Structure formats: C-alpha cells, structure tokens
PDB file of all heavy atoms in Angstrom:
ATOM      1  N   ALA A   1       0.852  -1.224   0.009  1.00  0.00           N
ATOM      2  CA  ALA A   1       0.016  -0.002  -0.008  1.00  0.00           C
ATOM      3  C   ALA A   1       0.849   1.192  -0.068  1.00  0.00           C
ATOM      4  O   ALA A   1       2.108   1.196   0.116  1.00  0.00           O
ATOM      5  CB  ALA A   1      -1.015  -0.008   1.173  1.00  0.00           C
ATOM      6  N   ALA A   2       0.304   2.378  -0.153  1.00  0.00           N
ATOM      7  CA  ALA A   2       1.065   3.631   0.061  1.00  0.00           C
ATOM      8  C   ALA A   2       1.727   3.629   1.272  1.00  0.00           C
ATOM      9  O   ALA A   2       1.172   3.369   2.384  1.00  0.00           O
ATOM     10  CB  ALA A   2       0.126   4.826  -0.171  1.00  0.00           C
ATOM     11  N   ASN A   3       3.068   4.070   1.412  1.00  0.00           N
ATOM     12  CA  ASN A   3       3.825   4.171   2.588  1.00  0.00           C
ATOM     13  C   ASN A   3       3.937   2.749   3.357  1.00  0.00           C
ATOM     14  O   ASN A   3       4.219   2.793   4.589  1.00  0.00           O
ATOM     15  CB  ASN A   3       3.240   5.231   3.446  1.00  0.00           C
ATOM     16  CG  ASN A   3       3.475   6.714   2.960  1.00  0.00           C
ATOM     17  OD1 ASN A   3       4.327   6.870   2.213  1.00  0.00           O
ATOM     18  ND2 ASN A   3       2.680   7.523   3.481  1.00  0.00           N
ATOM     19  N   VAL A   4       3.964   1.706   2.602  1.00  0.00           N
ATOM     20  CA  VAL A   4       4.162   0.374   3.249  1.00  0.00           C
ATOM     21  C   VAL A   4       5.009  -0.441   2.219  1.00  0.00           C
ATOM     22  O   VAL A   4       4.554  -0.810   1.176  1.00  0.00           O
ATOM     23  CB  VAL A   4       2.796  -0.397   3.496  1.00  0.00           C
ATOM     24  CG1 VAL A   4       3.090  -1.747   4.073  1.00  0.00           C
ATOM     25  CG2 VAL A   4       1.988   0.297   4.556  1.00  0.00           C
ATOM     26  N   PHE A   5       6.207  -0.821   2.712  1.00  0.00           N
ATOM     27  CA  PHE A   5       7.045  -1.718   1.970  1.00  0.00           C
ATOM     28  C   PHE A   5       7.574  -2.748   2.949  1.00  0.00           C
ATOM     29  O   PHE A   5       8.082  -2.431   4.013  1.00  0.00           O
ATOM     30  CB  PHE A   5       8.185  -0.990   1.361  1.00  0.00           C
ATOM     31  CG  PHE A   5       7.887  -0.289  -0.010  1.00  0.00           C
ATOM     32  CD1 PHE A   5       7.318   0.964  -0.068  1.00  0.00           C
ATOM     33  CD2 PHE A   5       8.048  -0.932  -1.178  1.00  0.00           C
ATOM     34  CE1 PHE A   5       6.921   1.569  -1.172  1.00  0.00           C
ATOM     35  CE2 PHE A   5       7.656  -0.321  -2.443  1.00  0.00           C
ATOM     36  CZ  PHE A   5       7.171   0.946  -2.332  1.00  0.00           C
ATOM     37  N   ILE A   6       7.513  -3.990   2.500  1.00  0.00           N
ATOM     38  CA  ILE A   6       8.015  -5.093   3.368  1.00  0.00           C
ATOM     39  C   ILE A   6       8.859  -6.020   2.526  1.00  0.00           C
ATOM     40  O   ILE A   6       8.430  -6.355   1.309  1.00  0.00           O
ATOM     41  CB  ILE A   6       6.890  -5.905   3.921  1.00  0.00           C
ATOM     42  CG1 ILE A   6       5.955  -5.047   4.823  1.00  0.00           C
ATOM     43  CG2 ILE A   6       7.409  -7.083   4.855  1.00  0.00           C
ATOM     44  CD1 ILE A   6       4.691  -5.747   5.338  1.00  0.00           C
ATOM     45  N   ARG A   7      10.092  -6.302   2.907  1.00  0.00           N
ATOM     46  CA  ARG A   7      11.005  -7.186   2.190  1.00  0.00           C
ATOM     47  C   ARG A   7      10.297  -8.575   1.960  1.00  0.00           C
ATOM     48  O   ARG A   7       9.657  -9.090   2.869  1.00  0.00           O
ATOM     49  CB  ARG A   7      12.171  -7.332   2.838  1.00  0.00           C
ATOM     50  CG  ARG A   7      13.306  -8.028   1.904  1.00  0.00           C
ATOM     51  CD  ARG A   7      14.656  -8.174   2.857  1.00  0.00           C
ATOM     52  NE  ARG A   7      15.077  -6.956   3.413  1.00  0.00           N
ATOM     53  CZ  ARG A   7      15.841  -6.087   2.786  1.00  0.00           C
ATOM     54  NH1 ARG A   7      16.102  -6.219   1.638  1.00  0.00           N
ATOM     55  NH2 ARG A   7      16.154  -4.981   3.441  1.00  0.00           N
ATOM     56  N   SER A   8      10.452  -8.990   0.659  1.00  0.00           N
ATOM     57  CA  SER A   8       9.688 -10.375   0.441  1.00  0.00           C
ATOM     58  C   SER A   8      10.181 -11.417   1.435  1.00  0.00           C
ATOM     59  O   SER A   8      11.293 -11.609   1.665  1.00  0.00           O
ATOM     60  CB  SER A   8      10.185 -10.740  -1.017  1.00  0.00           C
ATOM     61  OG  SER A   8       9.494 -12.012  -1.314  1.00  0.00           O
ATOM     62  N   GLY A   9       9.179 -12.112   2.099  1.00  0.00           N
ATOM     63  CA  GLY A   9       9.381 -13.087   3.011  1.00  0.00           C
ATOM     64  C   GLY A   9       9.641 -12.610   4.395  1.00  0.00           C
ATOM     65  O   GLY A   9       9.677 -13.528   5.399  1.00  0.00           O
ATOM     66  N   PHE A  10       9.679 -11.309   4.640  1.00  0.00           N
ATOM     67  CA  PHE A  10       9.786 -10.943   5.994  1.00  0.00           C
ATOM     68  C   PHE A  10       8.470 -10.728   6.704  1.00  0.00           C
ATOM     69  O   PHE A  10       7.567  -9.949   6.120  1.00  0.00           O
ATOM     70  CB  PHE A  10      10.614  -9.422   5.925  1.00  0.00           C
ATOM     71  CG  PHE A  10      10.754  -8.942   7.344  1.00  0.00           C
ATOM     72  CD1 PHE A  10      11.682  -9.468   8.171  1.00  0.00           C
ATOM     73  CD2 PHE A  10      10.064  -7.760   7.708  1.00  0.00           C
ATOM     74  CE1 PHE A  10      11.887  -8.869   9.409  1.00  0.00           C
ATOM     75  CE2 PHE A  10      10.320  -7.249   8.918  1.00  0.00           C
ATOM     76  CZ  PHE A  10      11.133  -7.784   9.824  1.00  0.00           C
ATOM     77  N   LEU A  11       8.257 -11.292   7.803  1.00  0.00           N
ATOM     78  CA  LEU A  11       7.134 -11.127   8.644  1.00  0.00           C
ATOM     79  C   LEU A  11       7.301 -10.213   9.732  1.00  0.00           C
ATOM     80  O   LEU A  11       7.933 -10.598  10.706  1.00  0.00           O
ATOM     81  CB  LEU A  11       6.575 -12.437   9.029  1.00  0.00           C
ATOM     82  CG  LEU A  11       6.149 -13.471   7.949  1.00  0.00           C
ATOM     83  CD1 LEU A  11       5.734 -14.832   8.606  1.00  0.00           C
ATOM     84  CD2 LEU A  11       5.092 -12.903   7.023  1.00  0.00           C
ATOM     85  N   TRP A  12       7.002  -8.882   9.639  1.00  0.00           N
ATOM     86  CA  TRP A  12       7.434  -7.936  10.692  1.00  0.00           C
ATOM     87  C   TRP A  12       6.868  -8.298  12.067  1.00  0.00           C
ATOM     88  O   TRP A  12       7.563  -7.921  13.036  1.00  0.00           O
ATOM     89  CB  TRP A  12       6.973  -6.660  10.238  1.00  0.00           C
ATOM     90  CG  TRP A  12       5.649  -6.170  10.621  1.00  0.00           C
ATOM     91  CD1 TRP A  12       4.545  -6.115   9.793  1.00  0.00           C
ATOM     92  CD2 TRP A  12       5.197  -5.695  11.894  1.00  0.00           C
ATOM     93  NE1 TRP A  12       3.404  -5.744  10.411  1.00  0.00           N
ATOM     94  CE2 TRP A  12       3.810  -5.488  11.723  1.00  0.00           C
ATOM     95  CE3 TRP A  12       5.670  -5.581  13.081  1.00  0.00           C
ATOM     96  CZ2 TRP A  12       2.977  -5.159  12.875  1.00  0.00           C
ATOM     97  CZ3 TRP A  12       4.960  -5.115  14.190  1.00  0.00           C
ATOM     98  CH2 TRP A  12       3.624  -4.767  14.046  1.00  0.00           C
ATOM     99  N   ASP A  13       5.681  -8.910  12.213  1.00  0.00           N
ATOM    100  CA  ASP A  13       5.132  -9.211  13.517  1.00  0.00           C
ATOM    101  C   ASP A  13       5.423 -10.580  14.039  1.00  0.00           C
ATOM    102  O   ASP A  13       4.711 -11.119  14.876  1.00  0.00           O
ATOM    103  CB  ASP A  13       3.670  -8.958  13.433  1.00  0.00           C
ATOM    104  CG  ASP A  13       3.037  -9.774  12.277  1.00  0.00           C
ATOM    105  OD1 ASP A  13       3.660 -10.384  11.422  1.00  0.00           O
ATOM    106  OD2 ASP A  13       1.699  -9.800  12.249  1.00  0.00           O
ATOM    107  N   SER A  14       6.485 -11.257  13.538  1.00  0.00           N
ATOM    108  CA  SER A  14       6.743 -12.671  13.914  1.00  0.00           C
ATOM    109  C   SER A  14       7.897 -12.730  14.981  1.00  0.00           C
ATOM    110  O   SER A  14       8.241 -13.844  15.325  1.00  0.00           O
ATOM    111  CB  SER A  14       7.182 -13.429  12.705  1.00  0.00           C
ATOM    112  OG  SER A  14       8.352 -12.938  12.159  1.00  0.00           O
ATOM    113  N   ALA A  15       8.411 -11.622  15.464  1.00  0.00           N
ATOM    114  CA  ALA A  15       9.626 -11.672  16.368  1.00  0.00           C
ATOM    115  C   ALA A  15       9.233 -12.116  17.687  1.00  0.00           C
ATOM    116  O   ALA A  15       7.986 -11.919  18.138  1.00  0.00           O
ATOM    117  CB  ALA A  15      10.359 -10.343  16.308  1.00  0.00           C
ATOM    118  N   ASP A  16      10.160 -12.595  18.450  1.00  0.00           N
ATOM    119  CA  ASP A  16       9.982 -12.884  19.939  1.00  0.00           C
ATOM    120  C   ASP A  16      10.125 -11.645  20.818  1.00  0.00           C
ATOM    121  O   ASP A  16       9.546 -11.482  21.805  1.00  0.00           O
ATOM    122  CB  ASP A  16      11.000 -13.987  20.378  1.00  0.00           C
ATOM    123  CG  ASP A  16      10.920 -15.232  19.633  1.00  0.00           C
ATOM    124  OD1 ASP A  16       9.861 -15.808  19.424  1.00  0.00           O
ATOM    125  OD2 ASP A  16      11.986 -15.666  19.144  1.00  0.00           O
ATOM    126  N   ALA A  17      10.970 -10.743  20.294  1.00  0.00           N
ATOM    127  CA  ALA A  17      11.118  -9.504  21.070  1.00  0.00           C
ATOM    128  C   ALA A  17      11.302  -8.319  19.973  1.00  0.00           C
ATOM    129  O   ALA A  17      11.761  -8.416  18.880  1.00  0.00           O
ATOM    130  CB  ALA A  17      12.401  -9.624  21.934  1.00  0.00           C
ATOM    131  N   TYR A  18      10.897  -7.155  20.534  1.00  0.00           N
ATOM    132  CA  TYR A  18      11.020  -5.915  19.908  1.00  0.00           C
ATOM    133  C   TYR A  18      11.804  -4.831  20.652  1.00  0.00           C
ATOM    134  O   TYR A  18      11.474  -4.625  21.809  1.00  0.00           O
ATOM    135  CB  TYR A  18       9.653  -5.389  19.400  1.00  0.00           C
ATOM    136  CG  TYR A  18       8.975  -6.317  18.407  1.00  0.00           C
ATOM    137  CD1 TYR A  18       8.287  -7.331  18.819  1.00  0.00           C
ATOM    138  CD2 TYR A  18       9.003  -5.975  17.048  1.00  0.00           C
ATOM    139  CE1 TYR A  18       7.582  -8.204  18.030  1.00  0.00           C
ATOM    140  CE2 TYR A  18       8.349  -6.850  16.207  1.00  0.00           C
ATOM    141  CZ  TYR A  18       7.732  -7.944  16.605  1.00  0.00           C
ATOM    142  OH  TYR A  18       7.062  -8.774  15.696  1.00  0.00           O
ATOM    143  N   LEU A  19      12.789  -4.150  20.077  1.00  0.00           N
ATOM    144  CA  LEU A  19      13.475  -3.062  20.611  1.00  0.00           C
ATOM    145  C   LEU A  19      13.018  -1.828  19.922  1.00  0.00           C
ATOM    146  O   LEU A  19      13.276  -1.706  18.681  1.00  0.00           O
ATOM    147  CB  LEU A  19      15.002  -3.230  20.524  1.00  0.00           C
ATOM    148  CG  LEU A  19      15.595  -4.490  21.167  1.00  0.00           C
ATOM    149  CD1 LEU A  19      16.943  -4.646  20.914  1.00  0.00           C
ATOM    150  CD2 LEU A  19      15.296  -4.602  22.686  1.00  0.00           C
ATOM    151  N   PHE A  20      12.443  -0.835  20.712  1.00  0.00           N
ATOM    152  CA  PHE A  20      11.900   0.331  20.017  1.00  0.00           C
ATOM    153  C   PHE A  20      12.858   1.622  20.473  1.00  0.00           C
ATOM    154  O   PHE A  20      13.109   1.798  21.626  1.00  0.00           O
ATOM    155  CB  PHE A  20      10.530   0.705  20.561  1.00  0.00           C
ATOM    156  CG  PHE A  20       9.453  -0.215  20.071  1.00  0.00           C
ATOM    157  CD1 PHE A  20       9.122  -1.361  20.603  1.00  0.00           C
ATOM    158  CD2 PHE A  20       8.681   0.392  19.072  1.00  0.00           C
ATOM    159  CE1 PHE A  20       8.046  -2.064  20.020  1.00  0.00           C
ATOM    160  CE2 PHE A  20       7.604  -0.294  18.494  1.00  0.00           C
ATOM    161  CZ  PHE A  20       7.356  -1.663  19.084  1.00  0.00           C
ATOM    162  N   ASP A  21      13.204   2.257  19.498  1.00  0.00           N
ATOM    163  CA  ASP A  21      13.799   3.644  19.651  1.00  0.00           C
ATOM    164  C   ASP A  21      12.633   4.449  20.270  1.00  0.00           C
ATOM    165  O   ASP A  21      11.443   4.065  20.169  1.00  0.00           O
ATOM    166  CB  ASP A  21      14.301   4.257  18.424  1.00  0.00           C
ATOM    167  CG  ASP A  21      14.660   5.613  18.484  1.00  0.00           C
ATOM    168  OD1 ASP A  21      15.459   5.923  19.276  1.00  0.00           O
ATOM    169  OD2 ASP A  21      14.018   6.555  17.735  1.00  0.00           O
ATOM    170  N   ILE A  22      13.038   5.517  20.985  1.00  0.00           N
ATOM    171  CA  ILE A  22      12.068   6.346  21.700  1.00  0.00           C
ATOM    172  C   ILE A  22      11.662   7.545  20.816  1.00  0.00           C
ATOM    173  O   ILE A  22      10.476   7.667  20.341  1.00  0.00           O
ATOM    174  CB  ILE A  22      12.515   6.682  23.071  1.00  0.00           C
ATOM    175  CG1 ILE A  22      12.624   5.434  23.946  1.00  0.00           C
ATOM    176  CG2 ILE A  22      11.531   7.638  23.626  1.00  0.00           C
ATOM    177  CD1 ILE A  22      13.181   5.716  25.341  1.00  0.00           C
ATOM    178  N   ASP A  23      12.665   8.547  20.800  1.00  0.00           N
ATOM    179  CA  ASP A  23      12.196   9.745  20.155  1.00  0.00           C
ATOM    180  C   ASP A  23      12.025   9.625  18.558  1.00  0.00           C
ATOM    181  O   ASP A  23      12.888   9.141  17.944  1.00  0.00           O
ATOM    182  CB  ASP A  23      13.365  10.803  20.329  1.00  0.00           C
ATOM    183  CG  ASP A  23      13.490  11.090  21.873  1.00  0.00           C
ATOM    184  OD1 ASP A  23      12.509  11.629  22.376  1.00  0.00           O
ATOM    185  OD2 ASP A  23      14.638  10.910  22.353  1.00  0.00           O
ATOM    186  N   GLY A  24      10.879  10.036  18.140  1.00  0.00           N
ATOM    187  CA  GLY A  24      10.573   9.971  16.791  1.00  0.00           C
ATOM    188  C   GLY A  24       9.952   8.657  16.253  1.00  0.00           C
ATOM    189  O   GLY A  24       9.454   8.557  15.222  1.00  0.00           O
ATOM    190  N   THR A  25      10.118   7.676  17.291  1.00  0.00           N
ATOM    191  CA  THR A  25       9.595   6.353  16.860  1.00  0.00           C
ATOM    192  C   THR A  25       8.259   6.003  17.767  1.00  0.00           C
ATOM    193  O   THR A  25       7.224   5.819  17.180  1.00  0.00           O
ATOM    194  CB  THR A  25      10.638   5.244  17.151  1.00  0.00           C
ATOM    195  OG1 THR A  25      11.797   5.446  16.372  1.00  0.00           O
ATOM    196  CG2 THR A  25      10.065   3.908  16.841  1.00  0.00           C
ATOM    197  N   LEU A  26       8.393   6.057  19.052  1.00  0.00           N
ATOM    198  CA  LEU A  26       7.284   5.905  19.889  1.00  0.00           C
ATOM    199  C   LEU A  26       6.642   7.121  20.225  1.00  0.00           C
ATOM    200  O   LEU A  26       5.322   7.265  20.420  1.00  0.00           O
ATOM    201  CB  LEU A  26       7.870   5.220  21.186  1.00  0.00           C
ATOM    202  CG  LEU A  26       8.156   3.723  21.178  1.00  0.00           C
ATOM    203  CD1 LEU A  26       8.841   3.336  22.544  1.00  0.00           C
ATOM    204  CD2 LEU A  26       6.925   2.827  20.900  1.00  0.00           C
ATOM    205  N   LEU A  27       7.397   8.205  20.362  1.00  0.00           N
ATOM    206  CA  LEU A  27       6.802   9.468  20.773  1.00  0.00           C
ATOM    207  C   LEU A  27       7.762  10.715  20.218  1.00  0.00           C
ATOM    208  O   LEU A  27       8.857  10.528  19.816  1.00  0.00           O
ATOM    209  CB  LEU A  27       6.670   9.601  22.346  1.00  0.00           C
ATOM    210  CG  LEU A  27       8.005   9.325  23.152  1.00  0.00           C
ATOM    211  CD1 LEU A  27       8.719  10.626  23.341  1.00  0.00           C
ATOM    212  CD2 LEU A  27       7.680   8.732  24.343  1.00  0.00           C
ATOM    213  N   ASN A  28       7.074  11.804  20.391  1.00  0.00           N
ATOM    214  CA  ASN A  28       7.911  13.144  20.019  1.00  0.00           C
ATOM    215  C   ASN A  28       7.720  14.032  21.298  1.00  0.00           C
ATOM    216  O   ASN A  28       6.602  14.149  21.798  1.00  0.00           O
ATOM    217  CB  ASN A  28       7.369  13.834  18.832  1.00  0.00           C
ATOM    218  CG  ASN A  28       7.808  13.137  17.598  1.00  0.00           C
ATOM    219  OD1 ASN A  28       9.034  13.012  17.263  1.00  0.00           O
ATOM    220  ND2 ASN A  28       6.897  12.535  16.774  1.00  0.00           N
ATOM    221  N   SER A  29       8.789  14.568  21.835  1.00  0.00           N
ATOM    222  CA  SER A  29       8.821  15.470  22.921  1.00  0.00           C
ATOM    223  C   SER A  29       8.729  16.916  22.414  1.00  0.00           C
ATOM    224  O   SER A  29       9.685  17.495  21.828  1.00  0.00           O
ATOM    225  CB  SER A  29      10.037  15.282  23.735  1.00  0.00           C
ATOM    226  OG  SER A  29      10.073  13.941  24.307  1.00  0.00           O
ATOM    227  N   ARG A  30       7.593  17.535  22.580  1.00  0.00           N
ATOM    228  CA  ARG A  30       7.326  19.014  22.240  1.00  0.00           C
ATOM    229  C   ARG A  30       7.849  19.901  23.319  1.00  0.00           C
ATOM    230  O   ARG A  30       7.992  21.039  23.106  1.00  0.00           O
ATOM    231  CB  ARG A  30       5.908  19.177  21.905  1.00  0.00           C
ATOM    232  CG  ARG A  30       5.289  18.099  20.866  1.00  0.00           C
ATOM    233  CD  ARG A  30       6.025  18.191  19.522  1.00  0.00           C
ATOM    234  NE  ARG A  30       5.368  17.300  18.623  1.00  0.00           N
ATOM    235  CZ  ARG A  30       5.997  16.996  17.439  1.00  0.00           C
ATOM    236  NH1 ARG A  30       7.059  17.453  17.149  1.00  0.00           N
ATOM    237  NH2 ARG A  30       5.249  16.205  16.581  1.00  0.00           N
ATOM    238  N   ASP A  31       8.120  19.457  24.515  1.00  0.00           N
ATOM    239  CA  ASP A  31       8.514  20.266  25.606  1.00  0.00           C
ATOM    240  C   ASP A  31       9.993  20.436  25.607  1.00  0.00           C
ATOM    241  O   ASP A  31      10.674  19.565  24.945  1.00  0.00           O
ATOM    242  CB  ASP A  31       8.057  19.718  26.872  1.00  0.00           C
ATOM    243  CG  ASP A  31       8.683  18.228  27.201  1.00  0.00           C
ATOM    244  OD1 ASP A  31       9.846  18.248  27.569  1.00  0.00           O
ATOM    245  OD2 ASP A  31       8.001  17.318  26.874  1.00  0.00           O
ATOM    246  N   PRO A  32      10.552  21.451  26.278  1.00  0.00           N
ATOM    247  CA  PRO A  32      11.976  21.732  26.167  1.00  0.00           C
ATOM    248  C   PRO A  32      12.748  21.064  27.352  1.00  0.00           C
ATOM    249  O   PRO A  32      13.912  21.404  27.471  1.00  0.00           O
ATOM    250  CB  PRO A  32      12.126  23.231  26.301  1.00  0.00           C
ATOM    251  CG  PRO A  32      10.914  23.496  27.179  1.00  0.00           C
ATOM    252  CD  PRO A  32       9.908  22.542  26.863  1.00  0.00           C
ATOM    253  N   VAL A  33      12.195  20.121  28.085  1.00  0.00           N
ATOM    254  CA  VAL A  33      12.905  19.672  29.397  1.00  0.00           C
ATOM    255  C   VAL A  33      14.169  18.959  29.037  1.00  0.00           C
ATOM    256  O   VAL A  33      15.199  19.196  29.718  1.00  0.00           O
ATOM    257  CB  VAL A  33      11.945  18.664  30.178  1.00  0.00           C
ATOM    258  CG1 VAL A  33      12.706  18.009  31.274  1.00  0.00           C
ATOM    259  CG2 VAL A  33      10.749  19.414  30.591  1.00  0.00           C
ATOM    260  N   HIS A  34      14.165  18.077  28.188  1.00  0.00           N
ATOM    261  CA  HIS A  34      15.484  17.246  27.750  1.00  0.00           C
ATOM    262  C   HIS A  34      16.469  18.349  27.124  1.00  0.00           C
ATOM    263  O   HIS A  34      17.617  18.337  27.453  1.00  0.00           O
ATOM    264  CB  HIS A  34      14.988  16.126  26.843  1.00  0.00           C
ATOM    265  CG  HIS A  34      16.111  15.231  26.548  1.00  0.00           C
ATOM    266  ND1 HIS A  34      16.217  14.198  25.614  1.00  0.00           N
ATOM    267  CD2 HIS A  34      17.461  15.064  27.189  1.00  0.00           C
ATOM    268  CE1 HIS A  34      17.218  13.514  25.634  1.00  0.00           C
ATOM    269  NE2 HIS A  34      18.053  14.026  26.490  1.00  0.00           N
ATOM    270  N   TYR A  35      16.034  19.192  26.414  1.00  0.00           N
ATOM    271  CA  TYR A  35      16.813  20.136  25.564  1.00  0.00           C
ATOM    272  C   TYR A  35      17.494  21.003  26.637  1.00  0.00           C
ATOM    273  O   TYR A  35      18.802  21.295  26.466  1.00  0.00           O
ATOM    274  CB  TYR A  35      15.846  20.922  24.639  1.00  0.00           C
ATOM    275  CG  TYR A  35      16.512  22.148  23.924  1.00  0.00           C
ATOM    276  CD1 TYR A  35      17.446  21.897  22.823  1.00  0.00           C
ATOM    277  CD2 TYR A  35      16.108  23.460  24.337  1.00  0.00           C
ATOM    278  CE1 TYR A  35      17.993  23.077  22.193  1.00  0.00           C
ATOM    279  CE2 TYR A  35      16.793  24.404  23.632  1.00  0.00           C
ATOM    280  CZ  TYR A  35      17.623  24.335  22.639  1.00  0.00           C
ATOM    281  OH  TYR A  35      18.193  25.409  21.987  1.00  0.00           O
ATOM    282  N   PHE A  36      16.793  21.637  27.630  1.00  0.00           N
ATOM    283  CA  PHE A  36      17.316  22.524  28.441  1.00  0.00           C
ATOM    284  C   PHE A  36      18.322  21.734  29.511  1.00  0.00           C
ATOM    285  O   PHE A  36      19.235  22.374  30.011  1.00  0.00           O
ATOM    286  CB  PHE A  36      16.340  23.151  29.357  1.00  0.00           C
ATOM    287  CG  PHE A  36      15.504  24.154  28.674  1.00  0.00           C
ATOM    288  CD1 PHE A  36      14.273  24.657  29.071  1.00  0.00           C
ATOM    289  CD2 PHE A  36      16.004  24.846  27.528  1.00  0.00           C
ATOM    290  CE1 PHE A  36      13.513  25.676  28.433  1.00  0.00           C
ATOM    291  CE2 PHE A  36      15.375  25.883  26.882  1.00  0.00           C
ATOM    292  CZ  PHE A  36      14.176  26.294  27.345  1.00  0.00           C
ATOM    293  N   ALA A  37      18.159  20.451  29.715  1.00  0.00           N
ATOM    294  CA  ALA A  37      19.037  19.702  30.547  1.00  0.00           C
ATOM    295  C   ALA A  37      20.437  19.632  29.986  1.00  0.00           C
ATOM    296  O   ALA A  37      21.456  19.670  30.660  1.00  0.00           O
ATOM    297  CB  ALA A  37      18.551  18.311  30.742  1.00  0.00           C
ATOM    298  N   PHE A  38      20.628  19.516  28.649  1.00  0.00           N
ATOM    299  CA  PHE A  38      21.846  19.536  28.034  1.00  0.00           C
ATOM    300  C   PHE A  38      22.646  20.929  28.480  1.00  0.00           C
ATOM    301  O   PHE A  38      23.786  20.983  28.847  1.00  0.00           O
ATOM    302  CB  PHE A  38      21.736  19.475  26.481  1.00  0.00           C
ATOM    303  CG  PHE A  38      21.534  18.208  25.976  1.00  0.00           C
ATOM    304  CD1 PHE A  38      20.224  17.832  25.490  1.00  0.00           C
ATOM    305  CD2 PHE A  38      22.652  17.277  25.806  1.00  0.00           C
ATOM    306  CE1 PHE A  38      20.021  16.502  24.976  1.00  0.00           C
ATOM    307  CE2 PHE A  38      22.280  15.982  25.322  1.00  0.00           C
ATOM    308  CZ  PHE A  38      21.018  15.681  24.863  1.00  0.00           C
TER     309      PHE A  38
END
C-alpha cells in the first residue's frame, strides 16, 4: 500500500522481542525539558 514496503518473505510481526527507539519512533517530545538539561 502507500507508505508500506516489506521485504519479500519478511514477517514484521513474527519476532519474539522488539526493541523500540524512543524519540521519533514511539513519541515526540514537544517540551524543552530534555533540551534544557543539556
């Protein structure tokens, strides 16, 4: 479909475990808390 590509033979939902990046993947931080901490 539009904006969906899967390598032939790859089942994306078949893994035993998933490691997720946080920023930009799970969530976006609109507040400046992390930014100001630097």
